[in-house]
Amino acid sequence: MSAGSGPDARAAFDFIHAAAPESRIAVFGESLGTGIAVALAHERPVAGVLLNAAYASVLRLFELRGPPLPYRLLLTDQFPSEALIGGIGVPVMILHGTADDNIPITEARRLYAAAREPKIMIEVEGAGHLAAWEGGAEAPALEALVTWTAPYPRPPRAQ
């Protein structure tokens, strides 16, 4: 995460962590933001990672879907999520619609394959770009966020 939204994501995480150091913080990224979320989770102690309409890498996505340009030279951050996600030791949930015209579901499947356990992928049949949330993935995603961010139980105080 070298430029653009990356420093903003780190600053936001660091601010929240400093303000509430005992809080468990999960990250949620959608579309382009999934690369930022994965990079942040690779760098910071997050409680879980939720991704909606994820890709394996922006470079790979542009090379697959874009016009023939030297993307390796043009992109300052290639968001190599597939290379980073295996180093994340927290739960990962990936949501994706099977009819996503912007990011093929095969990209999300590649990312899922590279992630460590515990992980879950919810594929919503017929859902387009970012529509997996409304297509039935909202409830399990919110349940995961609640679970990941719940406070650790405190030991009873000695009297």
N, C-alpha and C. Protein backbone atom coordinates (compact mmCIF):
# COMPACT_ATOMS: atom_id res chain seq x y z
N MET A 1 0.86 -1.16 0.00
CA MET A 1 0.00 0.00 0.00
C MET A 1 0.90 1.22 0.00
N SER A 2 1.11 1.79 -1.17
CA SER A 2 2.10 2.86 -1.23
C SER A 2 1.52 4.25 -1.39
N ALA A 3 0.39 4.39 -2.03
CA ALA A 3 -0.12 5.74 -2.27
C ALA A 3 -1.64 5.74 -2.23
N GLY A 4 -2.21 6.93 -2.41
CA GLY A 4 -3.66 7.05 -2.50
C GLY A 4 -4.36 6.74 -1.20
N SER A 5 -5.28 5.81 -1.25
CA SER A 5 -6.11 5.49 -0.09
C SER A 5 -5.40 4.67 0.97
N GLY A 6 -4.27 4.06 0.62
CA GLY A 6 -3.52 3.25 1.58
C GLY A 6 -3.13 4.01 2.83
N PRO A 7 -2.47 5.16 2.68
CA PRO A 7 -2.13 5.93 3.89
C PRO A 7 -3.37 6.36 4.68
N ASP A 8 -4.45 6.65 3.99
CA ASP A 8 -5.70 7.02 4.67
C ASP A 8 -6.22 5.85 5.51
N ALA A 9 -6.17 4.65 4.95
CA ALA A 9 -6.65 3.47 5.67
C ALA A 9 -5.79 3.21 6.90
N ARG A 10 -4.47 3.31 6.74
CA ARG A 10 -3.58 3.12 7.89
C ARG A 10 -3.84 4.18 8.96
N ALA A 11 -4.00 5.44 8.52
CA ALA A 11 -4.24 6.52 9.48
C ALA A 11 -5.56 6.30 10.22
N ALA A 12 -6.59 5.87 9.53
CA ALA A 12 -7.89 5.61 10.17
C ALA A 12 -7.76 4.48 11.18
N PHE A 13 -7.10 3.40 10.78
CA PHE A 13 -6.91 2.27 11.71
C PHE A 13 -6.12 2.73 12.93
N ASP A 14 -5.02 3.43 12.71
CA ASP A 14 -4.17 3.87 13.82
C ASP A 14 -4.91 4.82 14.76
N PHE A 15 -5.75 5.68 14.20
CA PHE A 15 -6.53 6.60 15.02
C PHE A 15 -7.51 5.84 15.91
N ILE A 16 -8.25 4.90 15.32
CA ILE A 16 -9.22 4.11 16.08
C ILE A 16 -8.51 3.27 17.13
N HIS A 17 -7.40 2.66 16.75
CA HIS A 17 -6.65 1.81 17.68
C HIS A 17 -6.10 2.62 18.85
N ALA A 18 -5.63 3.84 18.58
CA ALA A 18 -5.12 4.70 19.66
C ALA A 18 -6.25 5.17 20.58
N ALA A 19 -7.40 5.47 19.98
CA ALA A 19 -8.54 5.96 20.77
C ALA A 19 -9.19 4.85 21.60
N ALA A 20 -9.16 3.64 21.10
CA ALA A 20 -9.79 2.51 21.78
C ALA A 20 -8.88 1.29 21.66
N PRO A 21 -7.76 1.28 22.38
CA PRO A 21 -6.74 0.25 22.19
C PRO A 21 -7.21 -1.18 22.47
N GLU A 22 -8.25 -1.35 23.26
CA GLU A 22 -8.74 -2.70 23.54
C GLU A 22 -9.79 -3.18 22.53
N SER A 23 -10.19 -2.29 21.63
CA SER A 23 -11.19 -2.66 20.63
C SER A 23 -10.60 -3.57 19.58
N ARG A 24 -11.42 -4.48 19.11
CA ARG A 24 -11.04 -5.36 18.01
C ARG A 24 -11.61 -4.75 16.73
N ILE A 25 -10.75 -4.49 15.77
CA ILE A 25 -11.12 -3.76 14.57
C ILE A 25 -11.09 -4.70 13.37
N ALA A 26 -12.22 -4.79 12.67
CA ALA A 26 -12.30 -5.56 11.43
C ALA A 26 -12.23 -4.58 10.27
N VAL A 27 -11.81 -5.07 9.11
CA VAL A 27 -11.78 -4.22 7.91
C VAL A 27 -12.77 -4.76 6.89
N PHE A 28 -13.38 -3.82 6.16
CA PHE A 28 -14.37 -4.15 5.14
C PHE A 28 -14.00 -3.37 3.89
N GLY A 29 -13.76 -4.08 2.80
CA GLY A 29 -13.45 -3.43 1.54
C GLY A 29 -14.39 -3.89 0.45
N GLU A 30 -14.74 -2.95 -0.43
CA GLU A 30 -15.58 -3.27 -1.59
C GLU A 30 -14.86 -2.89 -2.86
N SER A 31 -14.91 -3.76 -3.86
CA SER A 31 -14.37 -3.51 -5.19
C SER A 31 -12.90 -3.09 -5.09
N LEU A 32 -12.53 -1.92 -5.58
CA LEU A 32 -11.14 -1.47 -5.51
C LEU A 32 -10.66 -1.46 -4.06
N GLY A 33 -11.54 -1.15 -3.13
CA GLY A 33 -11.17 -1.10 -1.72
C GLY A 33 -10.81 -2.44 -1.11
N THR A 34 -11.09 -3.54 -1.80
CA THR A 34 -10.71 -4.84 -1.25
C THR A 34 -9.18 -4.98 -1.20
N GLY A 35 -8.49 -4.43 -2.17
CA GLY A 35 -7.02 -4.48 -2.15
C GLY A 35 -6.46 -3.67 -1.00
N ILE A 36 -7.07 -2.55 -0.72
CA ILE A 36 -6.64 -1.71 0.40
C ILE A 36 -6.91 -2.43 1.72
N ALA A 37 -8.06 -3.08 1.83
CA ALA A 37 -8.40 -3.81 3.05
C ALA A 37 -7.43 -4.97 3.29
N VAL A 38 -7.10 -5.72 2.25
CA VAL A 38 -6.17 -6.84 2.40
C VAL A 38 -4.79 -6.33 2.79
N ALA A 39 -4.32 -5.26 2.15
CA ALA A 39 -3.01 -4.70 2.49
C ALA A 39 -2.99 -4.21 3.94
N LEU A 40 -4.06 -3.55 4.37
CA LEU A 40 -4.13 -3.07 5.74
C LEU A 40 -4.10 -4.24 6.73
N ALA A 41 -4.85 -5.29 6.43
CA ALA A 41 -4.88 -6.46 7.30
C ALA A 41 -3.52 -7.16 7.34
N HIS A 42 -2.76 -7.03 6.29
CA HIS A 42 -1.41 -7.60 6.26
C HIS A 42 -0.45 -6.80 7.14
N GLU A 43 -0.75 -5.51 7.32
CA GLU A 43 0.14 -4.61 8.06
C GLU A 43 -0.29 -4.33 9.50
N ARG A 44 -1.55 -4.47 9.80
CA ARG A 44 -2.07 -4.08 11.10
C ARG A 44 -2.79 -5.25 11.76
N PRO A 45 -2.94 -5.23 13.10
CA PRO A 45 -3.59 -6.34 13.82
C PRO A 45 -5.11 -6.24 13.77
N VAL A 46 -5.69 -6.65 12.67
CA VAL A 46 -7.14 -6.58 12.52
C VAL A 46 -7.77 -7.86 13.08
N ALA A 47 -9.08 -7.80 13.32
CA ALA A 47 -9.80 -8.94 13.88
C ALA A 47 -10.43 -9.83 12.82
N GLY A 48 -10.61 -9.31 11.62
CA GLY A 48 -11.21 -10.06 10.53
C GLY A 48 -11.23 -9.21 9.28
N VAL A 49 -11.43 -9.86 8.13
CA VAL A 49 -11.43 -9.18 6.84
C VAL A 49 -12.68 -9.58 6.07
N LEU A 50 -13.47 -8.59 5.70
CA LEU A 50 -14.69 -8.80 4.90
C LEU A 50 -14.50 -8.10 3.57
N LEU A 51 -14.65 -8.85 2.48
CA LEU A 51 -14.42 -8.32 1.14
C LEU A 51 -15.64 -8.56 0.27
N ASN A 52 -16.08 -7.53 -0.42
CA ASN A 52 -17.21 -7.63 -1.34
C ASN A 52 -16.73 -7.27 -2.73
N ALA A 53 -16.86 -8.19 -3.68
CA ALA A 53 -16.42 -8.01 -5.07
C ALA A 53 -14.91 -7.85 -5.13
N ALA A 54 -14.20 -8.87 -4.64
CA ALA A 54 -12.74 -8.83 -4.54
C ALA A 54 -12.06 -9.33 -5.81
N TYR A 55 -10.80 -8.92 -5.95
CA TYR A 55 -9.96 -9.34 -7.07
C TYR A 55 -8.66 -9.90 -6.51
N ALA A 56 -7.94 -10.66 -7.34
CA ALA A 56 -6.66 -11.22 -6.93
C ALA A 56 -5.58 -10.15 -6.92
N SER A 57 -5.54 -9.32 -7.95
CA SER A 57 -4.65 -8.15 -7.99
C SER A 57 -5.21 -7.19 -9.03
N VAL A 58 -5.01 -5.90 -8.80
CA VAL A 58 -5.47 -4.90 -9.77
C VAL A 58 -4.71 -5.07 -11.08
N LEU A 59 -3.41 -5.34 -10.97
CA LEU A 59 -2.61 -5.55 -12.18
C LEU A 59 -3.21 -6.68 -13.01
N ARG A 60 -3.46 -7.80 -12.37
CA ARG A 60 -4.04 -8.95 -13.08
C ARG A 60 -5.40 -8.58 -13.68
N LEU A 61 -6.23 -7.90 -12.91
CA LEU A 61 -7.56 -7.52 -13.39
C LEU A 61 -7.47 -6.62 -14.62
N PHE A 62 -6.60 -5.61 -14.57
CA PHE A 62 -6.44 -4.72 -15.72
C PHE A 62 -5.88 -5.46 -16.93
N GLU A 63 -4.93 -6.36 -16.68
CA GLU A 63 -4.37 -7.12 -17.80
C GLU A 63 -5.41 -8.03 -18.43
N LEU A 64 -6.34 -8.55 -17.63
CA LEU A 64 -7.41 -9.40 -18.15
C LEU A 64 -8.50 -8.61 -18.86
N ARG A 65 -8.85 -7.45 -18.29
CA ARG A 65 -10.06 -6.75 -18.72
C ARG A 65 -9.82 -5.44 -19.48
N GLY A 66 -8.65 -4.85 -19.31
CA GLY A 66 -8.42 -3.53 -19.87
C GLY A 66 -7.81 -3.57 -21.26
N PRO A 67 -7.70 -2.39 -21.88
CA PRO A 67 -7.02 -2.33 -23.17
C PRO A 67 -5.53 -2.67 -23.00
N PRO A 68 -4.88 -3.08 -24.06
CA PRO A 68 -3.46 -3.47 -23.94
C PRO A 68 -2.56 -2.26 -23.65
N LEU A 69 -2.22 -2.11 -22.38
CA LEU A 69 -1.34 -1.04 -21.92
C LEU A 69 -0.29 -1.63 -20.99
N PRO A 70 0.83 -0.93 -20.79
CA PRO A 70 1.87 -1.45 -19.89
C PRO A 70 1.51 -1.18 -18.41
N TYR A 71 0.53 -1.90 -17.91
CA TYR A 71 0.02 -1.66 -16.56
C TYR A 71 1.09 -1.82 -15.49
N ARG A 72 2.05 -2.73 -15.71
CA ARG A 72 3.12 -2.92 -14.74
C ARG A 72 3.90 -1.63 -14.53
N LEU A 73 3.99 -0.82 -15.57
CA LEU A 73 4.70 0.45 -15.47
C LEU A 73 3.80 1.59 -15.01
N LEU A 74 2.52 1.48 -15.29
CA LEU A 74 1.60 2.58 -15.00
C LEU A 74 1.06 2.58 -13.57
N LEU A 75 0.92 1.40 -12.98
CA LEU A 75 0.31 1.32 -11.66
C LEU A 75 1.35 1.49 -10.56
N THR A 76 1.16 2.51 -9.72
CA THR A 76 2.08 2.69 -8.60
C THR A 76 1.80 1.68 -7.50
N ASP A 77 0.57 1.23 -7.37
CA ASP A 77 0.24 0.17 -6.42
C ASP A 77 -0.61 -0.86 -7.16
N GLN A 78 -0.11 -2.07 -7.22
CA GLN A 78 -0.79 -3.11 -7.99
C GLN A 78 -1.75 -3.93 -7.12
N PHE A 79 -1.87 -3.57 -5.85
CA PHE A 79 -2.76 -4.25 -4.91
C PHE A 79 -2.70 -5.77 -5.09
N PRO A 80 -1.56 -6.36 -4.74
CA PRO A 80 -1.39 -7.81 -4.93
C PRO A 80 -2.06 -8.64 -3.83
N SER A 81 -3.35 -8.56 -3.75
CA SER A 81 -4.10 -9.22 -2.68
C SER A 81 -3.83 -10.72 -2.60
N GLU A 82 -3.73 -11.36 -3.74
CA GLU A 82 -3.51 -12.81 -3.75
C GLU A 82 -2.17 -13.15 -3.09
N ALA A 83 -1.17 -12.31 -3.29
CA ALA A 83 0.15 -12.55 -2.68
C ALA A 83 0.15 -12.24 -1.19
N LEU A 84 -0.71 -11.33 -0.74
CA LEU A 84 -0.71 -10.90 0.66
C LEU A 84 -1.64 -11.69 1.56
N ILE A 85 -2.75 -12.16 1.02
CA ILE A 85 -3.81 -12.69 1.88
C ILE A 85 -3.39 -13.94 2.66
N GLY A 86 -2.47 -14.71 2.13
CA GLY A 86 -2.00 -15.90 2.84
C GLY A 86 -1.24 -15.57 4.11
N GLY A 87 -0.77 -14.33 4.23
CA GLY A 87 -0.05 -13.90 5.42
C GLY A 87 -0.95 -13.32 6.50
N ILE A 88 -2.24 -13.34 6.26
CA ILE A 88 -3.20 -12.80 7.22
C ILE A 88 -3.73 -13.94 8.06
N GLY A 89 -3.56 -13.84 9.37
CA GLY A 89 -3.95 -14.92 10.26
C GLY A 89 -5.26 -14.69 10.99
N VAL A 90 -6.21 -14.02 10.33
CA VAL A 90 -7.52 -13.77 10.93
C VAL A 90 -8.60 -14.27 9.96
N PRO A 91 -9.83 -14.39 10.44
CA PRO A 91 -10.90 -14.85 9.56
C PRO A 91 -11.10 -13.94 8.35
N VAL A 92 -11.41 -14.56 7.21
CA VAL A 92 -11.66 -13.84 5.97
C VAL A 92 -13.01 -14.30 5.43
N MET A 93 -13.84 -13.33 5.02
CA MET A 93 -15.10 -13.63 4.35
C MET A 93 -15.11 -12.86 3.03
N ILE A 94 -15.40 -13.57 1.95
CA ILE A 94 -15.45 -12.96 0.63
C ILE A 94 -16.87 -13.12 0.09
N LEU A 95 -17.46 -12.01 -0.35
CA LEU A 95 -18.79 -12.00 -0.97
C LEU A 95 -18.60 -11.67 -2.44
N HIS A 96 -19.34 -12.35 -3.31
CA HIS A 96 -19.21 -12.03 -4.73
C HIS A 96 -20.45 -12.51 -5.48
N GLY A 97 -20.89 -11.72 -6.43
CA GLY A 97 -22.00 -12.11 -7.28
C GLY A 97 -21.50 -12.88 -8.49
N THR A 98 -22.27 -13.87 -8.90
CA THR A 98 -21.86 -14.69 -10.05
C THR A 98 -22.00 -13.93 -11.37
N ALA A 99 -22.77 -12.84 -11.38
CA ALA A 99 -22.99 -12.07 -12.61
C ALA A 99 -22.27 -10.71 -12.56
N ASP A 100 -21.16 -10.63 -11.84
CA ASP A 100 -20.39 -9.39 -11.73
C ASP A 100 -19.69 -9.12 -13.06
N ASP A 101 -20.07 -8.05 -13.74
CA ASP A 101 -19.47 -7.70 -15.02
C ASP A 101 -18.16 -6.92 -14.88
N ASN A 102 -17.89 -6.40 -13.70
CA ASN A 102 -16.67 -5.61 -13.49
C ASN A 102 -15.50 -6.46 -13.01
N ILE A 103 -15.75 -7.33 -12.06
CA ILE A 103 -14.71 -8.20 -11.51
C ILE A 103 -15.22 -9.63 -11.62
N PRO A 104 -14.63 -10.43 -12.50
CA PRO A 104 -15.10 -11.80 -12.66
C PRO A 104 -15.01 -12.58 -11.34
N ILE A 105 -15.97 -13.45 -11.10
CA ILE A 105 -15.98 -14.23 -9.87
C ILE A 105 -14.73 -15.11 -9.76
N THR A 106 -14.11 -15.43 -10.89
CA THR A 106 -12.88 -16.22 -10.85
C THR A 106 -11.78 -15.49 -10.07
N GLU A 107 -11.79 -14.18 -10.09
CA GLU A 107 -10.81 -13.40 -9.31
C GLU A 107 -11.04 -13.62 -7.82
N ALA A 108 -12.28 -13.57 -7.38
CA ALA A 108 -12.59 -13.79 -5.97
C ALA A 108 -12.25 -15.22 -5.57
N ARG A 109 -12.49 -16.16 -6.45
CA ARG A 109 -12.16 -17.56 -6.16
C ARG A 109 -10.66 -17.76 -6.01
N ARG A 110 -9.87 -17.07 -6.84
CA ARG A 110 -8.40 -17.13 -6.71
C ARG A 110 -7.98 -16.60 -5.35
N LEU A 111 -8.56 -15.48 -4.95
CA LEU A 111 -8.22 -14.87 -3.67
C LEU A 111 -8.62 -15.80 -2.52
N TYR A 112 -9.79 -16.37 -2.61
CA TYR A 112 -10.26 -17.31 -1.59
C TYR A 112 -9.30 -18.50 -1.47
N ALA A 113 -8.88 -19.03 -2.59
CA ALA A 113 -7.96 -20.19 -2.59
C ALA A 113 -6.64 -19.84 -1.90
N ALA A 114 -6.20 -18.60 -2.02
CA ALA A 114 -4.93 -18.18 -1.42
C ALA A 114 -5.04 -17.85 0.06
N ALA A 115 -6.26 -17.62 0.55
CA ALA A 115 -6.46 -17.24 1.96
C ALA A 115 -6.30 -18.45 2.87
N ARG A 116 -5.89 -18.18 4.11
CA ARG A 116 -5.77 -19.22 5.12
C ARG A 116 -7.11 -19.42 5.81
N GLU A 117 -7.26 -20.56 6.44
CA GLU A 117 -8.43 -20.81 7.29
C GLU A 117 -8.29 -19.97 8.55
N PRO A 118 -9.36 -19.56 9.18
CA PRO A 118 -10.75 -19.75 8.77
C PRO A 118 -11.14 -18.76 7.67
N LYS A 119 -11.87 -19.27 6.71
CA LYS A 119 -12.31 -18.45 5.59
C LYS A 119 -13.64 -18.97 5.09
N ILE A 120 -14.41 -18.06 4.47
CA ILE A 120 -15.68 -18.45 3.88
C ILE A 120 -15.90 -17.58 2.65
N MET A 121 -16.48 -18.18 1.64
CA MET A 121 -16.85 -17.43 0.44
C MET A 121 -18.33 -17.63 0.19
N ILE A 122 -19.03 -16.52 0.01
CA ILE A 122 -20.45 -16.56 -0.29
C ILE A 122 -20.64 -16.06 -1.71
N GLU A 123 -21.07 -16.96 -2.58
CA GLU A 123 -21.36 -16.62 -3.97
C GLU A 123 -22.86 -16.45 -4.11
N VAL A 124 -23.27 -15.27 -4.57
CA VAL A 124 -24.69 -14.99 -4.72
C VAL A 124 -25.05 -15.13 -6.20
N GLU A 125 -25.84 -16.12 -6.49
CA GLU A 125 -26.24 -16.44 -7.86
C GLU A 125 -26.98 -15.27 -8.50
N GLY A 126 -26.52 -14.84 -9.67
CA GLY A 126 -27.17 -13.79 -10.44
C GLY A 126 -26.88 -12.37 -9.98
N ALA A 127 -26.13 -12.20 -8.90
CA ALA A 127 -25.84 -10.85 -8.38
C ALA A 127 -24.72 -10.21 -9.19
N GLY A 128 -24.91 -8.92 -9.49
CA GLY A 128 -23.92 -8.15 -10.22
C GLY A 128 -22.88 -7.55 -9.29
N HIS A 129 -22.17 -6.56 -9.81
CA HIS A 129 -21.09 -5.93 -9.05
C HIS A 129 -21.63 -5.27 -7.78
N LEU A 130 -21.06 -5.65 -6.67
CA LEU A 130 -21.41 -5.16 -5.33
C LEU A 130 -22.81 -5.56 -4.86
N ALA A 131 -23.50 -6.38 -5.61
CA ALA A 131 -24.88 -6.74 -5.27
C ALA A 131 -24.98 -7.99 -4.39
N ALA A 132 -23.88 -8.62 -4.08
CA ALA A 132 -23.94 -9.81 -3.22
C ALA A 132 -24.49 -9.46 -1.84
N TRP A 133 -24.16 -8.27 -1.36
CA TRP A 133 -24.63 -7.82 -0.04
C TRP A 133 -26.15 -7.87 0.03
N GLU A 134 -26.79 -7.21 -0.95
CA GLU A 134 -28.26 -7.17 -0.96
C GLU A 134 -28.86 -8.50 -1.40
N GLY A 135 -28.07 -9.34 -2.03
CA GLY A 135 -28.57 -10.60 -2.57
C GLY A 135 -28.57 -11.75 -1.58
N GLY A 136 -28.36 -11.47 -0.32
CA GLY A 136 -28.43 -12.53 0.68
C GLY A 136 -27.20 -12.66 1.56
N ALA A 137 -26.15 -11.93 1.25
CA ALA A 137 -24.92 -12.06 2.04
C ALA A 137 -24.86 -11.10 3.23
N GLU A 138 -25.79 -10.17 3.31
CA GLU A 138 -25.76 -9.16 4.37
C GLU A 138 -25.79 -9.78 5.77
N ALA A 139 -26.74 -10.68 6.02
CA ALA A 139 -26.89 -11.24 7.37
C ALA A 139 -25.65 -12.01 7.81
N PRO A 140 -25.11 -12.93 7.01
CA PRO A 140 -23.89 -13.62 7.47
C PRO A 140 -22.69 -12.68 7.59
N ALA A 141 -22.63 -11.67 6.74
CA ALA A 141 -21.51 -10.71 6.82
C ALA A 141 -21.59 -9.90 8.11
N LEU A 142 -22.78 -9.41 8.44
CA LEU A 142 -22.93 -8.65 9.68
C LEU A 142 -22.68 -9.53 10.91
N GLU A 143 -23.12 -10.77 10.85
CA GLU A 143 -22.87 -11.70 11.96
C GLU A 143 -21.37 -11.92 12.15
N ALA A 144 -20.64 -12.06 11.04
CA ALA A 144 -19.19 -12.22 11.14
C ALA A 144 -18.54 -10.99 11.74
N LEU A 145 -18.95 -9.80 11.31
CA LEU A 145 -18.39 -8.57 11.86
C LEU A 145 -18.63 -8.45 13.36
N VAL A 146 -19.84 -8.80 13.78
CA VAL A 146 -20.16 -8.75 15.22
C VAL A 146 -19.28 -9.73 15.98
N THR A 147 -19.14 -10.93 15.47
CA THR A 147 -18.32 -11.95 16.14
C THR A 147 -16.86 -11.52 16.21
N TRP A 148 -16.33 -11.05 15.08
CA TRP A 148 -14.91 -10.67 15.04
C TRP A 148 -14.58 -9.51 15.96
N THR A 149 -15.51 -8.59 16.12
CA THR A 149 -15.22 -7.37 16.88
C THR A 149 -15.74 -7.40 18.32
N ALA A 150 -16.34 -8.51 18.72
CA ALA A 150 -16.83 -8.61 20.10
C ALA A 150 -15.66 -8.50 21.07
N PRO A 151 -15.87 -7.84 22.18
CA PRO A 151 -14.78 -7.72 23.16
C PRO A 151 -14.37 -9.09 23.70
N TYR A 152 -13.09 -9.21 23.99
CA TYR A 152 -12.63 -10.43 24.65
C TYR A 152 -13.24 -10.46 26.05
N PRO A 153 -13.64 -11.62 26.50
CA PRO A 153 -14.16 -11.69 27.87
C PRO A 153 -13.05 -11.33 28.88
N ARG A 154 -13.42 -10.56 29.85
CA ARG A 154 -12.45 -10.17 30.88
C ARG A 154 -12.52 -11.16 32.03
N PRO A 155 -11.35 -11.50 32.60
CA PRO A 155 -11.39 -12.39 33.77
C PRO A 155 -12.06 -11.67 34.94
N PRO A 156 -12.72 -12.40 35.81
CA PRO A 156 -13.36 -11.76 36.97
C PRO A 156 -12.30 -11.10 37.87
N ARG A 157 -12.70 -10.01 38.46
CA ARG A 157 -11.78 -9.30 39.37
C ARG A 157 -11.71 -10.02 40.71
N ALA A 158 -10.50 -10.04 41.26
CA ALA A 158 -10.32 -10.62 42.59
C ALA A 158 -10.91 -9.67 43.62
N GLN A 159 -11.53 -10.20 44.63
CA GLN A 159 -12.16 -9.35 45.64
C GLN A 159 -11.35 -9.32 46.90
